[in-house]
Amino acid sequence: MKAQQFISYLVENDIPYLFLTNNSAYTPLDVVANLRKFGIETSEEHVYTSALATAEFVHTQRPNGTAFVIGEGGLLNALNEVNYAINRDAPDYVIVGEGRVLNFELVERAHRLIANGANLLSTNSDTWCPTDSGPRPGCGAIVALLESATGRKAYHVGKPNPFMMRAARKRINLRTDEVIMIGDTMDTDIRGATDLGFRSILVLTGSTTIEALKDYPFAPTYVARSIADVAGARQTMQLEAQ
């Protein structure tokens, strides 16, 4: 079973699902287009990004506010959709997301805005991101610079923050005991599931190896070698829960 076959399995069995990503640079439409390159067909309503979670967070905290943003289109679009305006002078928030727009002028302005009272948010705490050319510094690394310079701590909205995980659960209208988080990273996917009480399946196709599991104080509910084993893992977990 390949990834698209697994998605077809979910659809055929009326199982709601979401793709969760900490990458705030992309809109849901961008994510759908990128997945299509790998033969995975889905639609925008099945994608939930850290940019959407961040926009939802600021909307609940300070409706119709303003933000100074270090980030790309996915984050800017999400903020605009909740009536958040971009403000370079006296914003409610300085928000840092993924992307390649960073320069020292932006950092300097962000520093001064935070010093003048703006709250510091980030779409996620990931310190590095994988790319086709190799790893690059992630949102968490940029935020660490601002934290060090200002002495202020950022609030990270994306995985493993319970805010994003809970918001995702509500979007698919499931109870906590009905959710299974499938991911390949212990620090975000599996930790987030553990914090919320979700069951979880770690897929060994990412940065986590089976040998590394002993280094964590929490564990996935089930470990699968690849996405091909996930459907069987879900069925096993259902039987064990009965």
Protein backbone atom coordinates (compact mmCIF):
# COMPACT_ATOMS: atom_id res chain seq x y z
CA MET A 1 0.00 0.00 0.00
CA LYS A 2 1.38 3.37 -1.06
CA ALA A 3 0.45 6.77 0.35
CA GLN A 4 -2.31 7.42 -2.21
CA GLN A 5 -3.75 3.96 -1.60
CA PHE A 6 -3.86 4.74 2.10
CA ILE A 7 -5.73 8.00 1.43
CA SER A 8 -8.15 6.05 -0.78
CA TYR A 9 -8.60 3.58 2.08
CA LEU A 10 -9.55 6.45 4.40
CA VAL A 11 -12.01 7.89 1.88
CA GLU A 12 -13.61 4.53 1.08
CA ASN A 13 -14.14 3.85 4.79
CA ASP A 14 -15.48 7.36 5.55
CA ILE A 15 -12.57 8.10 7.89
CA PRO A 16 -11.95 11.85 8.28
CA TYR A 17 -8.34 12.96 7.94
CA LEU A 18 -6.07 15.98 7.83
CA PHE A 19 -2.55 16.57 6.59
CA LEU A 20 -0.79 18.62 9.28
CA THR A 21 2.33 20.59 8.45
CA ASN A 22 4.49 23.00 10.41
CA ASN A 23 5.61 24.65 7.18
CA SER A 24 3.83 28.01 7.18
CA ALA A 25 5.25 29.15 3.84
CA TYR A 26 2.62 27.26 1.86
CA THR A 27 -1.13 27.75 1.52
CA PRO A 28 -3.35 24.64 1.61
CA LEU A 29 -3.62 24.88 -2.18
CA ASP A 30 0.20 24.85 -2.42
CA VAL A 31 0.34 21.75 -0.22
CA VAL A 32 -2.26 20.00 -2.37
CA ALA A 33 -0.23 20.78 -5.49
CA ASN A 34 2.99 19.53 -3.87
CA LEU A 35 1.32 16.28 -2.75
CA ARG A 36 0.06 15.73 -6.27
CA LYS A 37 3.69 15.57 -7.44
CA PHE A 38 4.01 12.42 -5.30
CA GLY A 39 0.83 10.91 -6.68
CA ILE A 40 -1.27 11.86 -3.65
CA GLU A 41 -4.66 13.33 -4.52
CA THR A 42 -6.45 15.34 -1.85
CA SER A 43 -8.14 18.73 -1.44
CA GLU A 44 -7.63 21.93 0.52
CA GLU A 45 -10.11 21.07 3.28
CA HIS A 46 -7.87 18.15 4.19
CA VAL A 47 -4.83 20.37 4.87
CA TYR A 48 -4.12 22.24 8.10
CA THR A 49 -0.91 24.27 8.32
CA SER A 50 0.82 26.03 11.20
CA ALA A 51 0.00 29.28 9.37
CA LEU A 52 -3.72 28.53 9.67
CA ALA A 53 -3.27 27.56 13.32
CA THR A 54 -1.36 30.79 14.02
CA ALA A 55 -4.07 32.88 12.36
CA GLU A 56 -6.72 31.05 14.37
CA PHE A 57 -4.73 31.65 17.56
CA VAL A 58 -4.32 35.41 17.13
CA HIS A 59 -7.95 35.73 16.04
CA THR A 60 -9.10 34.12 19.30
CA GLN A 61 -6.70 36.20 21.40
CA ARG A 62 -6.96 39.63 19.77
CA PRO A 63 -9.58 39.76 17.01
CA ASN A 64 -8.92 42.15 14.11
CA GLY A 65 -5.42 42.93 15.35
CA THR A 66 -2.19 43.66 13.54
CA ALA A 67 1.12 41.89 13.03
CA PHE A 68 4.62 42.42 11.73
CA VAL A 69 5.50 39.26 9.83
CA ILE A 70 8.75 37.55 8.92
CA GLY A 71 7.37 34.87 6.63
CA GLU A 72 5.91 34.03 3.26
CA GLY A 73 2.60 33.79 1.42
CA GLY A 74 1.00 30.98 3.38
CA LEU A 75 1.25 32.91 6.63
CA LEU A 76 0.30 36.27 5.14
CA ASN A 77 -2.77 34.80 3.43
CA ALA A 78 -3.91 33.03 6.60
CA LEU A 79 -3.64 36.24 8.61
CA ASN A 80 -5.53 38.24 5.99
CA GLU A 81 -8.35 35.67 6.08
CA VAL A 82 -8.95 36.48 9.77
CA ASN A 83 -8.81 40.24 9.16
CA TYR A 84 -5.29 40.70 10.49
CA ALA A 85 -3.51 43.67 8.94
CA ILE A 86 0.23 43.99 8.47
CA ASN A 87 1.72 46.75 10.64
CA ARG A 88 5.39 47.78 10.61
CA ASP A 89 5.10 50.46 13.31
CA ALA A 90 3.11 49.32 16.35
CA PRO A 91 1.72 45.80 15.83
CA ASP A 92 0.09 43.57 18.40
CA TYR A 93 2.38 40.70 17.39
CA VAL A 94 5.68 39.99 15.73
CA ILE A 95 5.08 36.68 13.97
CA VAL A 96 7.89 34.54 12.57
CA GLY A 97 7.20 31.80 10.04
CA GLU A 98 9.09 29.61 7.60
CA GLY A 99 10.63 31.06 4.47
CA ARG A 100 13.64 32.69 2.88
CA VAL A 101 12.74 36.35 3.29
CA LEU A 102 14.96 36.91 6.32
CA ASN A 103 17.46 39.76 6.34
CA PHE A 104 19.04 41.80 9.10
CA GLU A 105 16.77 44.77 8.49
CA LEU A 106 13.73 42.61 9.30
CA VAL A 107 15.40 41.25 12.42
CA GLU A 108 16.34 44.74 13.56
CA ARG A 109 12.79 46.04 13.11
CA ALA A 110 11.31 42.99 14.82
CA HIS A 111 13.68 43.49 17.75
CA ARG A 112 12.58 47.10 18.21
CA LEU A 113 8.89 46.28 17.91
CA ILE A 114 9.20 43.58 20.56
CA ALA A 115 11.14 45.97 22.80
CA ASN A 116 8.26 48.43 22.37
CA GLY A 117 5.66 45.91 23.52
CA ALA A 118 4.72 43.64 20.61
CA ASN A 119 4.30 39.98 21.58
CA LEU A 120 6.51 37.40 19.87
CA LEU A 121 4.88 34.44 18.12
CA SER A 122 6.23 31.75 15.86
CA THR A 123 4.42 29.30 13.65
CA ASN A 124 6.59 26.47 15.01
CA SER A 125 9.71 25.74 17.02
CA ASP A 126 11.52 23.59 14.42
CA THR A 127 15.14 24.72 14.29
CA TRP A 128 15.82 23.21 10.87
CA CYS A 129 13.90 22.24 7.74
CA PRO A 130 14.65 19.54 5.17
CA THR A 131 14.85 20.68 1.54
CA ASP A 132 15.77 19.04 -1.74
CA SER A 133 19.22 20.62 -1.41
CA GLY A 134 19.69 19.63 2.23
CA PRO A 135 18.76 21.12 5.61
CA ARG A 136 18.38 24.84 6.24
CA PRO A 137 17.69 26.90 9.40
CA GLY A 138 14.05 26.78 10.40
CA CYS A 139 11.61 29.09 12.11
CA GLY A 140 12.78 28.06 15.58
CA ALA A 141 16.34 29.15 14.81
CA ILE A 142 15.20 32.60 13.69
CA VAL A 143 13.02 32.98 16.77
CA ALA A 144 15.91 31.93 19.01
CA LEU A 145 17.88 34.89 17.67
CA LEU A 146 15.06 37.29 18.59
CA GLU A 147 14.58 35.65 21.98
CA SER A 148 18.27 36.06 22.75
CA ALA A 149 18.33 39.68 21.59
CA THR A 150 15.15 40.80 23.35
CA GLY A 151 15.06 38.57 26.42
CA ARG A 152 11.46 37.69 25.52
CA LYS A 153 10.19 34.16 24.97
CA ALA A 154 8.14 33.28 21.91
CA TYR A 155 4.90 31.34 21.90
CA HIS A 156 5.16 28.53 19.33
CA VAL A 157 1.75 27.71 17.84
CA GLY A 158 2.53 24.71 15.61
CA LYS A 159 3.13 21.07 16.46
CA PRO A 160 3.57 19.86 19.17
CA ASN A 161 1.60 22.72 20.74
CA PRO A 162 -1.77 21.44 21.98
CA PHE A 163 -3.44 24.47 20.37
CA MET A 164 -2.73 23.25 16.83
CA MET A 165 -3.39 19.61 17.67
CA ARG A 166 -6.72 20.39 19.35
CA ALA A 167 -7.77 22.71 16.54
CA ALA A 168 -7.02 19.95 14.02
CA ARG A 169 -9.12 17.47 16.01
CA LYS A 170 -12.05 19.88 16.03
CA ARG A 171 -11.77 20.38 12.27
CA ILE A 172 -12.41 16.70 11.64
CA ASN A 173 -15.05 16.57 14.38
CA LEU A 174 -13.58 13.64 16.32
CA ARG A 175 -13.29 12.90 20.02
CA THR A 176 -9.85 12.57 21.56
CA ASP A 177 -10.16 8.79 21.80
CA GLU A 178 -11.01 8.58 18.09
CA VAL A 179 -7.87 10.36 16.84
CA ILE A 180 -4.75 8.62 15.59
CA MET A 181 -1.77 10.83 14.82
CA ILE A 182 0.50 9.39 12.11
CA GLY A 183 3.92 11.00 11.80
CA ASP A 184 7.63 10.42 11.36
CA THR A 185 8.99 12.80 14.01
CA MET A 186 9.03 12.13 17.73
CA ASP A 187 9.60 15.74 18.82
CA THR A 188 6.55 17.13 17.02
CA ASP A 189 4.09 14.49 15.81
CA ILE A 190 4.35 11.92 18.57
CA ARG A 191 4.93 14.39 21.39
CA GLY A 192 1.93 16.44 20.28
CA ALA A 193 -0.24 13.34 20.24
CA THR A 194 1.01 12.30 23.67
CA ASP A 195 0.29 15.72 25.18
CA LEU A 196 -3.31 15.63 23.90
CA GLY A 197 -3.99 11.99 24.72
CA PHE A 198 -4.20 10.90 21.06
CA ARG A 199 -3.07 7.47 19.98
CA SER A 200 -0.12 7.65 17.60
CA ILE A 201 1.72 5.73 14.91
CA LEU A 202 5.38 6.50 14.28
CA VAL A 203 6.39 5.78 10.69
CA LEU A 204 10.09 5.02 10.32
CA THR A 205 10.54 6.94 7.08
CA GLY A 206 11.67 10.25 8.59
CA SER A 207 14.27 11.47 11.02
CA THR A 208 13.46 9.01 13.83
CA THR A 209 15.02 5.55 13.99
CA ILE A 210 13.85 2.61 16.05
CA GLU A 211 17.09 2.83 18.06
CA ALA A 212 16.35 6.45 19.00
CA LEU A 213 13.05 5.65 20.72
CA LYS A 214 14.84 4.84 23.97
CA ASP A 215 16.00 8.45 24.18
CA TYR A 216 12.46 9.78 24.67
CA PRO A 217 10.37 9.67 27.87
CA PHE A 218 7.22 9.13 25.77
CA ALA A 219 6.47 6.52 23.14
CA PRO A 220 4.17 6.09 20.15
CA THR A 221 1.25 3.70 20.48
CA TYR A 222 2.51 1.76 17.49
CA VAL A 223 5.59 1.78 15.24
CA ALA A 224 5.23 1.14 11.50
CA ARG A 225 8.05 0.63 9.03
CA SER A 226 6.25 2.59 6.30
CA ILE A 227 2.85 3.93 5.29
CA ALA A 228 2.16 0.48 3.85
CA ASP A 229 1.87 -0.87 7.39
CA VAL A 230 -0.34 1.90 8.79
CA ALA A 231 -3.73 0.44 7.82
CA GLY A 232 -2.79 -2.81 9.56
CA ALA A 233 -1.55 -0.87 12.58
CA ARG A 234 -4.86 0.97 12.85
CA GLN A 235 -6.80 -2.29 12.73
CA THR A 236 -4.55 -3.78 15.41
CA MET A 237 -5.06 -0.74 17.65
CA GLN A 238 -8.83 -1.01 17.22
CA LEU A 239 -8.80 -4.65 18.26
CA GLU A 240 -6.64 -3.91 21.31
CA ALA A 241 -9.03 -1.13 22.36
CA GLN A 242 -12.02 -3.50 22.37
